[in-house]
Amino acid sequence: MPELFNPIGDKVEKVAPAAATADDDGRVVEEIESLCMNCEENGVTRMLLTKIPYFREIIVMSFSCDKCGYSNNEVQPAGTFQLKGARYELRLFGADDFQRTVVKSDTATVKFIELDVEIPAGKGQLTNVEGLLTTVIDDLEYGQEKRKEEQPEVYAKVAEIISKGRKMLEGESFPFRVAVDDPAGNSFIAPDPRDGVGKWEKREYLRTREQNTALGLTDTAQSNDLDENGDIIPDQVYSFPASCPGCLHPCTTHMKMVDIPHFRQVVIMNTSCDDCGYKSNDVKTGGEIPEKGRKVTIRVKSAVDLARDILKSESCAMECPELSLSVNPGTLGGRFTTVEGLLTQVRDDLHSQIFDADADADASARKHDGLSIDEKTRWEQFFDDLNAAINGEKEFTIILTDPLASSYVQSLADDPSQPDDQMTVEWYERTDEEEEDLGLKDMKVEGYEEDAEPAQKNGDAKENGEVQP
């Protein structure tokens, strides 16, 4: 059983469990007599181990003191830190989206992007989007009268944020976005099978050395730089030492450059750890950034089409309208595989988050106690359609939209330079949002030397005690 801590981080004095009761669903609720940090009398901490649909097990804890009336509620992950950090983003379009379940661990930050307000890491919460936004507004309103007298400028700015937040809660400011970023990977925003591209997004990332240190993980990182003066020979496998992002023990990364005909060179990378079992595969594309994005549409009709080579870059969004499938950029990372292999990976990754059974199990073995009957029905139909497509029993369309034009689908035409009857390729102007997400709006490739000279002069002036405007 994990150690308990009060809201300010001190360990709670524990004695033997006072009782064990059950909730309405028959799950055991542990009750432990523990010290109240408000009045220093004994209160009761109740703990419930539960599983969040599409997520994992967490511990819900509630403390109450009958002596002084103090109470506190929080959640803690039931497991350890995940191999990677995770960032979730949800774009809200209507009142129903306010009810999306949110798990915020004590290592996560939450940001309402359009409101430009961030909830720092701290107390773990099991709530929904409405609850998070209400908490933010209530916290900002606390102390406003004092700010009005002592800091009128700050008061005006906070009042503006509160007004904007209230309009969001009243449904007058859709759409807007909420993001949860957790370097420990133990936080979560619930998805919905009806979400389309751009509404719900999950991105996993490797933790930085600073994040590992903040989480209390020992950094045994080794230099993994290749000889920059050496030439990389295509189709030759290179191996170099690295550190596992999961357990930080030494491991090996393998790299191979592959020349895709009629496309470009890509780098395939594989990392595996013998200590914790961590594995990752990724594909990196290089070259200059094109002026336009590219959209590839392929009609999959037979087993021949399922065997086509496909490269989905990290910046690419994928849609299959007939399968109600949408994959946001960054969700799978870069992948060089076949059409069948890509769909199989999407299916397995989704299935492991939603059902306890394997992806190939029949419907009778699929179960998840946290899902409603309607949700189970929708997900089962979704996976049945996906399996039919993977087995070649259902025709479907794949649409790859890549603002960096780094994705590729093998052509089956006799002459690859000629059009493929089942594939169309379109170039399009990137949207302002795509330019912003890719960092292209802030990129300066000409005249940057001129900006560097004043910065250098200001730095020299500061060292000499001079004041620069």
Protein backbone atom coordinates (compact mmCIF):
# COMPACT_ATOMS: atom_id res chain seq x y z
CA MET A 1 0.00 0.00 0.00
CA PRO A 2 1.49 3.41 -0.97
CA GLU A 3 2.54 5.91 1.68
CA LEU A 4 0.07 8.68 2.40
CA PHE A 5 0.92 12.37 2.44
CA ASN A 6 -1.08 15.35 3.58
CA PRO A 7 -1.67 18.35 1.28
CA ILE A 8 1.60 20.05 2.27
CA GLY A 9 3.69 16.96 1.65
CA ASP A 10 4.28 15.63 5.18
CA LYS A 11 3.91 11.92 5.75
CA VAL A 12 0.70 10.99 7.53
CA GLU A 13 0.93 9.05 10.78
CA LYS A 14 -0.58 5.62 10.10
CA VAL A 15 -2.04 2.99 12.34
CA ALA A 16 -3.75 -0.30 11.58
CA PRO A 17 -6.72 -0.14 9.18
CA ALA A 18 -9.84 0.88 11.06
CA ALA A 19 -12.24 -0.85 8.71
CA ALA A 20 -12.83 -2.11 5.20
CA THR A 21 -16.17 -1.35 3.58
CA ALA A 22 -17.50 -1.69 0.03
CA ASP A 23 -18.92 0.87 -2.38
CA ASP A 24 -22.10 0.43 -4.45
CA ASP A 25 -20.22 -1.67 -7.02
CA GLY A 26 -18.77 -4.02 -4.42
CA ARG A 27 -15.22 -2.61 -4.57
CA VAL A 28 -13.31 -2.59 -1.28
CA VAL A 29 -12.79 0.79 0.38
CA GLU A 30 -9.90 0.75 2.87
CA GLU A 31 -10.28 2.99 5.92
CA ILE A 32 -7.17 4.03 7.86
CA GLU A 33 -7.02 6.14 10.98
CA SER A 34 -4.51 8.93 10.33
CA LEU A 35 -3.35 12.23 11.74
CA CYS A 36 -5.21 15.43 10.82
CA MET A 37 -2.65 18.09 9.93
CA ASN A 38 -5.19 20.83 10.76
CA CYS A 39 -6.03 20.04 14.39
CA GLU A 40 -3.53 17.18 15.03
CA GLU A 41 -6.32 14.86 16.13
CA ASN A 42 -7.02 11.53 14.43
CA GLY A 43 -9.22 11.46 11.34
CA VAL A 44 -10.00 8.79 8.72
CA THR A 45 -8.40 8.29 5.30
CA ARG A 46 -10.44 6.23 2.83
CA MET A 47 -8.77 4.66 -0.20
CA LEU A 48 -10.36 3.06 -3.27
CA LEU A 49 -8.47 1.32 -6.07
CA THR A 50 -10.38 1.90 -9.32
CA LYS A 51 -9.75 1.73 -13.06
CA ILE A 52 -10.46 4.69 -15.34
CA PRO A 53 -11.91 3.72 -18.76
CA TYR A 54 -9.30 3.95 -21.58
CA PHE A 55 -6.62 4.59 -18.94
CA ARG A 56 -5.27 2.57 -16.00
CA GLU A 57 -5.72 1.94 -12.29
CA ILE A 58 -5.53 4.83 -9.82
CA ILE A 59 -6.00 5.21 -6.07
CA VAL A 60 -8.74 7.63 -4.99
CA MET A 61 -8.11 8.95 -1.48
CA SER A 62 -10.36 10.97 0.81
CA PHE A 63 -9.46 12.29 4.27
CA SER A 64 -11.97 13.68 6.77
CA CYS A 65 -11.71 14.78 10.39
CA ASP A 66 -14.81 14.76 12.58
CA LYS A 67 -13.06 16.91 15.19
CA CYS A 68 -12.44 20.04 13.10
CA GLY A 69 -14.36 19.29 9.91
CA TYR A 70 -11.27 19.39 7.67
CA SER A 71 -11.46 17.26 4.51
CA ASN A 72 -9.24 16.59 1.53
CA ASN A 73 -9.53 14.55 -1.69
CA GLU A 74 -6.87 13.52 -4.17
CA VAL A 75 -5.71 10.74 -6.48
CA GLN A 76 -2.43 8.91 -6.92
CA PRO A 77 -1.31 6.54 -9.69
CA ALA A 78 -1.43 2.89 -8.67
CA GLY A 79 1.70 2.09 -10.66
CA THR A 80 5.09 3.64 -11.31
CA PHE A 81 6.23 6.35 -13.70
CA GLN A 82 5.58 5.50 -17.35
CA LEU A 83 8.37 5.01 -19.88
CA LYS A 84 7.56 8.35 -21.52
CA GLY A 85 5.90 11.61 -20.61
CA ALA A 86 2.48 12.35 -22.11
CA ARG A 87 0.66 15.46 -23.27
CA TYR A 88 -3.09 15.43 -23.92
CA GLU A 89 -5.02 18.18 -25.66
CA LEU A 90 -8.80 18.46 -26.07
CA ARG A 91 -10.60 21.01 -28.21
CA LEU A 92 -14.07 21.67 -26.74
CA PHE A 93 -16.89 22.34 -29.21
CA GLY A 94 -19.98 21.94 -27.00
CA ALA A 95 -21.34 21.51 -23.48
CA ASP A 96 -20.97 17.71 -23.64
CA ASP A 97 -17.18 18.09 -23.83
CA PHE A 98 -17.19 19.63 -20.34
CA GLN A 99 -17.95 16.14 -18.96
CA ARG A 100 -14.76 14.53 -20.30
CA THR A 101 -12.96 12.70 -17.48
CA VAL A 102 -9.60 14.21 -16.49
CA VAL A 103 -6.95 12.56 -14.32
CA LYS A 104 -4.36 15.09 -13.13
CA SER A 105 -1.48 13.51 -11.25
CA ASP A 106 0.65 15.47 -8.81
CA THR A 107 3.38 15.86 -11.48
CA ALA A 108 1.11 17.30 -14.21
CA THR A 109 0.37 20.84 -15.34
CA VAL A 110 -2.96 21.85 -16.89
CA LYS A 111 -3.37 24.79 -19.26
CA PHE A 112 -6.46 26.43 -20.75
CA ILE A 113 -4.73 27.71 -23.86
CA GLU A 114 -7.11 30.48 -24.99
CA LEU A 115 -7.45 31.66 -21.39
CA ASP A 116 -3.63 31.64 -21.04
CA VAL A 117 -3.91 30.23 -17.51
CA GLU A 118 -1.90 27.28 -16.21
CA ILE A 119 -2.50 25.07 -13.17
CA PRO A 120 0.93 24.07 -11.81
CA ALA A 121 1.92 20.60 -10.67
CA GLY A 122 0.58 19.78 -7.23
CA LYS A 123 -2.38 17.93 -5.79
CA GLY A 124 -3.67 14.96 -7.83
CA GLN A 125 -7.29 15.21 -9.02
CA LEU A 126 -9.95 12.99 -10.59
CA THR A 127 -12.43 15.40 -12.15
CA ASN A 128 -13.73 16.62 -15.52
CA VAL A 129 -12.99 19.64 -17.72
CA GLU A 130 -15.80 21.67 -16.16
CA GLY A 131 -14.48 20.94 -12.68
CA LEU A 132 -10.95 22.03 -13.65
CA LEU A 133 -12.13 25.29 -15.21
CA THR A 134 -14.42 26.04 -12.26
CA THR A 135 -11.52 25.49 -9.85
CA VAL A 136 -9.33 27.88 -11.83
CA ILE A 137 -11.95 30.62 -11.83
CA ASP A 138 -12.75 30.16 -8.12
CA ASP A 139 -9.04 30.31 -7.22
CA LEU A 140 -8.59 33.50 -9.23
CA GLU A 141 -11.61 35.13 -7.57
CA TYR A 142 -10.20 34.41 -4.13
CA GLY A 143 -8.36 37.52 -2.94
CA GLN A 144 -9.66 39.83 -5.68
CA GLU A 145 -10.90 42.40 -3.13
CA LYS A 146 -7.43 42.61 -1.63
CA ARG A 147 -5.85 42.95 -5.08
CA LYS A 148 -8.28 45.77 -5.91
CA GLU A 149 -6.91 47.84 -3.05
CA GLU A 150 -3.22 46.87 -3.17
CA GLN A 151 -2.60 45.98 -6.84
CA PRO A 152 -5.27 47.61 -9.04
CA GLU A 153 -3.42 46.79 -12.29
CA VAL A 154 -3.19 43.12 -11.37
CA TYR A 155 -6.83 43.19 -10.25
CA ALA A 156 -7.96 44.45 -13.67
CA LYS A 157 -6.02 41.76 -15.54
CA VAL A 158 -7.30 38.97 -13.28
CA ALA A 159 -10.88 40.30 -13.60
CA GLU A 160 -10.56 40.11 -17.38
CA ILE A 161 -9.44 36.47 -17.18
CA ILE A 162 -12.27 35.63 -14.75
CA SER A 163 -14.84 37.21 -17.10
CA LYS A 164 -13.47 35.26 -20.06
CA GLY A 165 -13.46 32.04 -18.02
CA ARG A 166 -17.08 32.55 -16.93
CA LYS A 167 -18.12 32.92 -20.57
CA MET A 168 -16.37 29.63 -21.31
CA LEU A 169 -18.29 27.91 -18.53
CA GLU A 170 -21.56 29.39 -19.82
CA GLY A 171 -20.89 28.00 -23.31
CA GLU A 172 -20.32 31.35 -25.01
CA SER A 173 -16.69 30.86 -26.12
CA PHE A 174 -16.54 27.57 -28.02
CA PRO A 175 -14.25 26.28 -29.34
CA PHE A 176 -11.34 26.41 -26.89
CA ARG A 177 -8.58 24.04 -25.79
CA VAL A 178 -7.36 22.42 -22.58
CA ALA A 179 -4.01 20.61 -22.33
CA VAL A 180 -2.59 18.28 -19.67
CA ASP A 181 1.19 17.75 -19.70
CA ASP A 182 2.66 15.11 -17.40
CA PRO A 183 6.35 14.09 -17.60
CA ALA A 184 5.50 11.01 -15.46
CA GLY A 185 2.87 9.88 -18.02
CA ASN A 186 0.22 9.25 -15.34
CA SER A 187 -2.35 11.89 -16.34
CA PHE A 188 -5.15 11.61 -18.86
CA ILE A 189 -8.06 13.20 -20.76
CA ALA A 190 -10.73 10.72 -21.88
CA PRO A 191 -11.22 10.20 -25.65
CA ASP A 192 -14.46 9.43 -27.47
CA PRO A 193 -14.86 7.14 -30.51
CA ARG A 194 -16.69 9.96 -32.29
CA ASP A 195 -13.75 12.38 -32.04
CA GLY A 196 -12.41 13.49 -35.40
CA VAL A 197 -8.97 14.76 -36.36
CA GLY A 198 -7.92 17.75 -34.30
CA LYS A 199 -10.35 17.33 -31.39
CA TRP A 200 -8.52 14.89 -29.04
CA GLU A 201 -4.80 14.39 -29.17
CA LYS A 202 -2.21 12.45 -27.20
CA ARG A 203 1.52 12.85 -27.69
CA GLU A 204 4.19 10.87 -25.88
CA TYR A 205 7.67 12.31 -25.51
CA LEU A 206 11.05 11.45 -24.03
CA ARG A 207 11.70 13.18 -20.75
CA THR A 208 14.52 15.72 -20.52
CA ARG A 209 17.31 15.30 -18.03
CA GLU A 210 15.77 18.08 -15.91
CA GLN A 211 12.39 16.30 -15.87
CA ASN A 212 14.00 13.01 -14.83
CA THR A 213 15.81 14.81 -12.02
CA ALA A 214 12.56 16.45 -10.87
CA LEU A 215 10.91 13.01 -10.76
CA GLY A 216 13.77 11.62 -8.70
CA LEU A 217 15.10 9.34 -11.43
CA THR A 218 18.85 8.72 -11.55
CA ASP A 219 20.37 9.91 -14.79
CA THR A 220 22.92 7.50 -16.21
CA ALA A 221 22.79 9.04 -19.66
CA GLN A 222 25.71 8.43 -21.95
CA SER A 223 26.71 10.39 -24.99
CA ASN A 224 24.92 9.04 -28.02
CA ASP A 225 26.31 11.43 -30.62
CA LEU A 226 27.60 9.93 -33.85
CA ASP A 227 30.75 11.14 -35.53
CA GLU A 228 29.44 14.21 -37.33
CA ASN A 229 32.39 14.15 -39.72
CA GLY A 230 31.66 10.61 -40.87
CA ASP A 231 29.45 9.69 -43.80
CA ILE A 232 26.34 7.56 -43.24
CA ILE A 233 26.18 4.75 -45.76
CA PRO A 234 22.65 3.79 -46.92
CA ASP A 235 21.36 0.34 -45.85
CA GLN A 236 24.15 -0.08 -43.28
CA VAL A 237 23.10 -0.58 -39.65
CA TYR A 238 24.82 1.65 -37.09
CA SER A 239 24.71 0.97 -33.35
CA PHE A 240 25.57 3.43 -30.62
CA PRO A 241 25.14 3.61 -26.83
CA ALA A 242 22.16 5.44 -25.33
CA SER A 243 20.17 5.50 -22.11
CA CYS A 244 16.71 3.92 -21.80
CA PRO A 245 14.01 6.62 -21.41
CA GLY A 246 12.08 4.24 -19.15
CA CYS A 247 14.63 3.06 -16.57
CA LEU A 248 17.64 5.19 -17.63
CA HIS A 249 19.90 2.13 -17.76
CA PRO A 250 22.40 1.88 -20.64
CA CYS A 251 20.96 0.39 -23.83
CA THR A 252 21.67 0.35 -27.57
CA THR A 253 20.08 2.32 -30.39
CA HIS A 254 20.29 0.98 -33.94
CA MET A 255 20.07 3.29 -36.94
CA LYS A 256 19.76 2.65 -40.66
CA MET A 257 19.38 5.02 -43.60
CA VAL A 258 17.02 3.82 -46.33
CA ASP A 259 16.59 5.34 -49.77
CA ILE A 260 12.88 5.16 -50.72
CA PRO A 261 12.59 5.13 -54.53
CA HIS A 262 10.98 8.23 -56.05
CA PHE A 263 10.79 9.85 -52.60
CA ARG A 264 13.78 10.63 -50.36
CA GLN A 265 16.18 9.19 -47.81
CA VAL A 266 14.80 8.41 -44.35
CA VAL A 267 16.45 7.26 -41.14
CA ILE A 268 14.94 4.28 -39.30
CA MET A 269 15.83 4.08 -35.59
CA ASN A 270 15.23 1.27 -33.09
CA THR A 271 15.91 1.26 -29.35
CA SER A 272 15.47 -1.72 -27.02
CA CYS A 273 16.30 -2.18 -23.33
CA ASP A 274 17.11 -5.58 -21.86
CA ASP A 275 16.54 -4.36 -18.29
CA CYS A 276 12.93 -3.12 -18.45
CA GLY A 277 11.78 -4.39 -21.86
CA TYR A 278 11.27 -0.92 -23.37
CA LYS A 279 11.13 -0.89 -27.19
CA SER A 280 10.64 1.92 -29.66
CA ASN A 281 10.77 2.30 -33.43
CA ASP A 282 10.78 5.60 -35.22
CA VAL A 283 11.37 7.07 -38.67
CA LYS A 284 12.94 10.47 -39.28
CA THR A 285 12.75 12.33 -42.58
CA GLY A 286 15.16 15.07 -43.57
CA GLY A 287 15.64 17.67 -46.24
CA GLU A 288 14.36 21.21 -46.67
CA ILE A 289 10.84 22.26 -45.65
CA PRO A 290 8.65 22.51 -48.77
CA GLU A 291 6.57 25.59 -49.51
CA LYS A 292 3.32 23.58 -49.38
CA GLY A 293 1.87 20.60 -47.53
CA ARG A 294 0.81 17.40 -49.28
CA LYS A 295 -2.33 15.27 -49.06
CA VAL A 296 -2.23 11.65 -50.25
CA THR A 297 -5.48 9.70 -50.70
CA ILE A 298 -5.33 5.94 -51.38
CA ARG A 299 -8.24 3.60 -52.04
CA VAL A 300 -7.58 0.16 -50.48
CA LYS A 301 -9.51 -2.54 -52.35
CA SER A 302 -7.54 -5.80 -52.01
CA ALA A 303 -4.70 -7.65 -50.30
CA VAL A 304 -2.32 -6.11 -52.85
CA ASP A 305 -3.18 -2.65 -51.53
CA LEU A 306 -2.74 -3.79 -47.93
CA ALA A 307 0.84 -4.78 -48.82
CA ARG A 308 1.77 -1.32 -50.14
CA ASP A 309 4.71 0.34 -48.37
CA ILE A 310 3.63 3.41 -46.41
CA LEU A 311 5.61 6.05 -44.56
CA LYS A 312 3.64 8.08 -42.03
CA SER A 313 5.79 10.87 -40.65
CA GLU A 314 5.42 12.34 -37.17
CA SER A 315 3.83 15.49 -38.60
CA CYS A 316 1.17 13.57 -40.56
CA ALA A 317 -2.54 13.19 -39.72
CA MET A 318 -4.32 10.04 -40.94
CA GLU A 319 -8.04 9.48 -41.61
CA CYS A 320 -10.09 6.46 -42.71
CA PRO A 321 -13.67 7.78 -43.11
CA GLU A 322 -15.27 4.35 -43.70
CA LEU A 323 -13.69 3.06 -40.46
CA SER A 324 -14.41 6.20 -38.38
CA LEU A 325 -10.67 6.27 -37.69
CA SER A 326 -8.60 9.40 -37.19
CA VAL A 327 -5.01 9.63 -35.99
CA ASN A 328 -3.61 13.03 -35.03
CA PRO A 329 -0.06 14.17 -35.85
CA GLY A 330 2.51 12.89 -33.36
CA THR A 331 0.30 10.10 -31.99
CA LEU A 332 2.23 7.16 -33.50
CA GLY A 333 5.49 8.95 -34.26
CA GLY A 334 7.15 8.18 -37.58
CA ARG A 335 6.36 4.75 -39.07
CA PHE A 336 7.65 2.98 -42.20
CA THR A 337 5.62 -0.18 -42.70
CA THR A 338 2.78 -1.53 -44.87
CA VAL A 339 -0.84 -0.39 -44.96
CA GLU A 340 -1.81 -3.57 -43.08
CA GLY A 341 0.98 -3.07 -40.54
CA LEU A 342 -0.02 0.53 -39.86
CA LEU A 343 -3.69 -0.36 -39.28
CA THR A 344 -2.70 -3.29 -37.06
CA GLN A 345 -0.56 -1.04 -34.88
CA VAL A 346 -3.35 1.54 -34.56
CA ARG A 347 -5.79 -1.23 -33.61
CA ASP A 348 -3.49 -2.79 -31.01
CA ASP A 349 -2.60 0.54 -29.41
CA LEU A 350 -6.26 1.59 -29.11
CA HIS A 351 -7.41 -1.83 -27.94
CA SER A 352 -4.86 -1.98 -25.13
CA GLN A 353 -6.19 1.34 -23.78
CA ILE A 354 -9.88 0.43 -23.92
CA PHE A 355 -10.33 -3.32 -23.37
CA ASP A 356 -8.57 -5.75 -21.08
CA ALA A 357 -8.49 -8.53 -23.69
CA ASP A 358 -6.06 -8.90 -26.60
CA ALA A 359 -6.90 -7.18 -29.89
CA ASP A 360 -7.56 -10.54 -31.60
CA ALA A 361 -9.97 -11.72 -28.88
CA ASP A 362 -13.64 -12.18 -29.75
CA ALA A 363 -16.37 -9.85 -28.49
CA SER A 364 -17.24 -12.09 -25.52
CA ALA A 365 -13.74 -11.63 -24.10
CA ARG A 366 -13.78 -7.86 -24.40
CA LYS A 367 -14.74 -6.23 -21.16
CA HIS A 368 -14.21 -3.02 -19.31
CA ASP A 369 -16.20 -2.42 -16.18
CA GLY A 370 -15.97 1.36 -16.51
CA LEU A 371 -17.69 1.54 -19.91
CA SER A 372 -21.38 2.11 -20.40
CA ILE A 373 -23.36 -0.28 -22.63
CA ASP A 374 -23.59 2.33 -25.41
CA GLU A 375 -19.83 2.99 -25.26
CA LYS A 376 -19.05 -0.74 -25.39
CA THR A 377 -21.30 -1.16 -28.41
CA ARG A 378 -19.68 1.75 -30.26
CA TRP A 379 -16.14 0.53 -29.58
CA GLU A 380 -16.95 -3.10 -30.47
CA GLN A 381 -18.42 -2.00 -33.82
CA PHE A 382 -15.38 0.19 -34.42
CA PHE A 383 -12.93 -2.70 -33.83
CA ASP A 384 -15.03 -5.14 -35.88
CA ASP A 385 -14.86 -2.75 -38.86
CA LEU A 386 -11.12 -2.25 -38.33
CA ASN A 387 -10.49 -6.02 -38.20
CA ALA A 388 -12.52 -6.52 -41.37
CA ALA A 389 -10.37 -3.91 -43.13
CA ILE A 390 -7.12 -5.51 -41.91
CA ASN A 391 -8.33 -8.94 -43.14
CA GLY A 392 -9.15 -7.55 -46.59
CA GLU A 393 -12.91 -7.97 -46.14
CA LYS A 394 -13.79 -4.26 -46.34
CA GLU A 395 -12.78 -1.54 -48.80
CA PHE A 396 -11.68 1.75 -47.26
CA THR A 397 -9.80 4.97 -47.92
CA ILE A 398 -6.65 6.28 -46.24
CA ILE A 399 -6.07 10.04 -46.25
CA LEU A 400 -2.61 11.26 -45.20
CA THR A 401 -2.40 15.02 -44.61
CA ASP A 402 1.18 16.12 -43.98
CA PRO A 403 2.04 19.84 -43.74
CA LEU A 404 5.74 18.94 -44.19
CA ALA A 405 5.08 16.63 -47.18
CA SER A 406 7.19 13.94 -45.47
CA SER A 407 4.76 11.01 -45.90
CA TYR A 408 4.69 8.47 -48.71
CA VAL A 409 2.57 5.64 -50.15
CA GLN A 410 4.02 3.15 -52.65
CA SER A 411 2.62 3.47 -56.18
CA LEU A 412 1.47 0.31 -57.99
CA ALA A 413 1.64 1.86 -61.44
CA ASP A 414 3.97 0.10 -63.93
CA ASP A 415 5.83 3.38 -64.28
CA PRO A 416 6.09 5.04 -60.81
CA SER A 417 6.32 8.43 -62.51
CA GLN A 418 2.78 7.92 -63.90
CA PRO A 419 -0.47 8.33 -61.90
CA ASP A 420 -1.82 5.43 -59.82
CA ASP A 421 -5.55 4.90 -60.49
CA GLN A 422 -6.23 4.31 -56.77
CA MET A 423 -4.09 7.13 -55.42
CA THR A 424 -4.28 10.90 -55.67
CA VAL A 425 -1.66 13.40 -54.49
CA GLU A 426 -2.57 17.04 -53.81
CA TRP A 427 -0.41 19.98 -52.74
CA TYR A 428 -2.05 22.56 -50.48
CA GLU A 429 -1.27 25.82 -48.70
CA ARG A 430 -0.54 25.28 -45.01
CA THR A 431 -2.96 26.91 -42.58
CA ASP A 432 -1.82 29.53 -40.06
CA GLU A 433 -2.40 26.99 -37.27
CA GLU A 434 -0.15 24.41 -38.99
CA GLU A 435 2.55 27.04 -39.50
CA GLU A 436 2.30 27.97 -35.81
CA ASP A 437 2.39 24.34 -34.57
CA LEU A 438 5.46 23.60 -36.71
CA GLY A 439 7.25 26.72 -35.49
CA LEU A 440 7.59 28.07 -39.03
CA LYS A 441 6.15 31.50 -38.18
CA ASP A 442 9.03 32.18 -35.77
CA MET A 443 11.72 30.73 -38.04
CA LYS A 444 14.12 33.26 -39.52
CA VAL A 445 16.52 32.00 -42.17
CA GLU A 446 17.77 35.34 -43.53
CA GLY A 447 19.29 38.34 -41.75
CA TYR A 448 19.65 36.56 -38.40
CA GLU A 449 23.27 37.75 -38.19
CA GLU A 450 21.97 41.32 -37.80
CA ASP A 451 19.93 40.30 -34.72
CA ALA A 452 22.93 38.55 -33.20
CA GLU A 453 25.18 41.62 -33.32
CA PRO A 454 23.02 43.88 -31.03
CA ALA A 455 22.55 40.98 -28.63
CA GLN A 456 26.31 40.49 -28.44
CA LYS A 457 26.87 44.22 -27.88
CA ASN A 458 24.29 44.28 -25.05
CA GLY A 459 25.99 41.29 -23.45
CA ASP A 460 29.40 43.01 -23.59
CA ALA A 461 27.89 46.21 -22.19
CA LYS A 462 26.41 44.39 -19.21
CA GLU A 463 29.76 42.85 -18.40
CA ASN A 464 31.31 46.35 -18.45
CA GLY A 465 28.58 47.82 -16.23
CA GLU A 466 27.08 49.92 -19.04
CA VAL A 467 23.32 50.43 -19.40
CA GLN A 468 21.80 49.79 -22.83
CA PRO A 469 18.29 50.90 -23.88
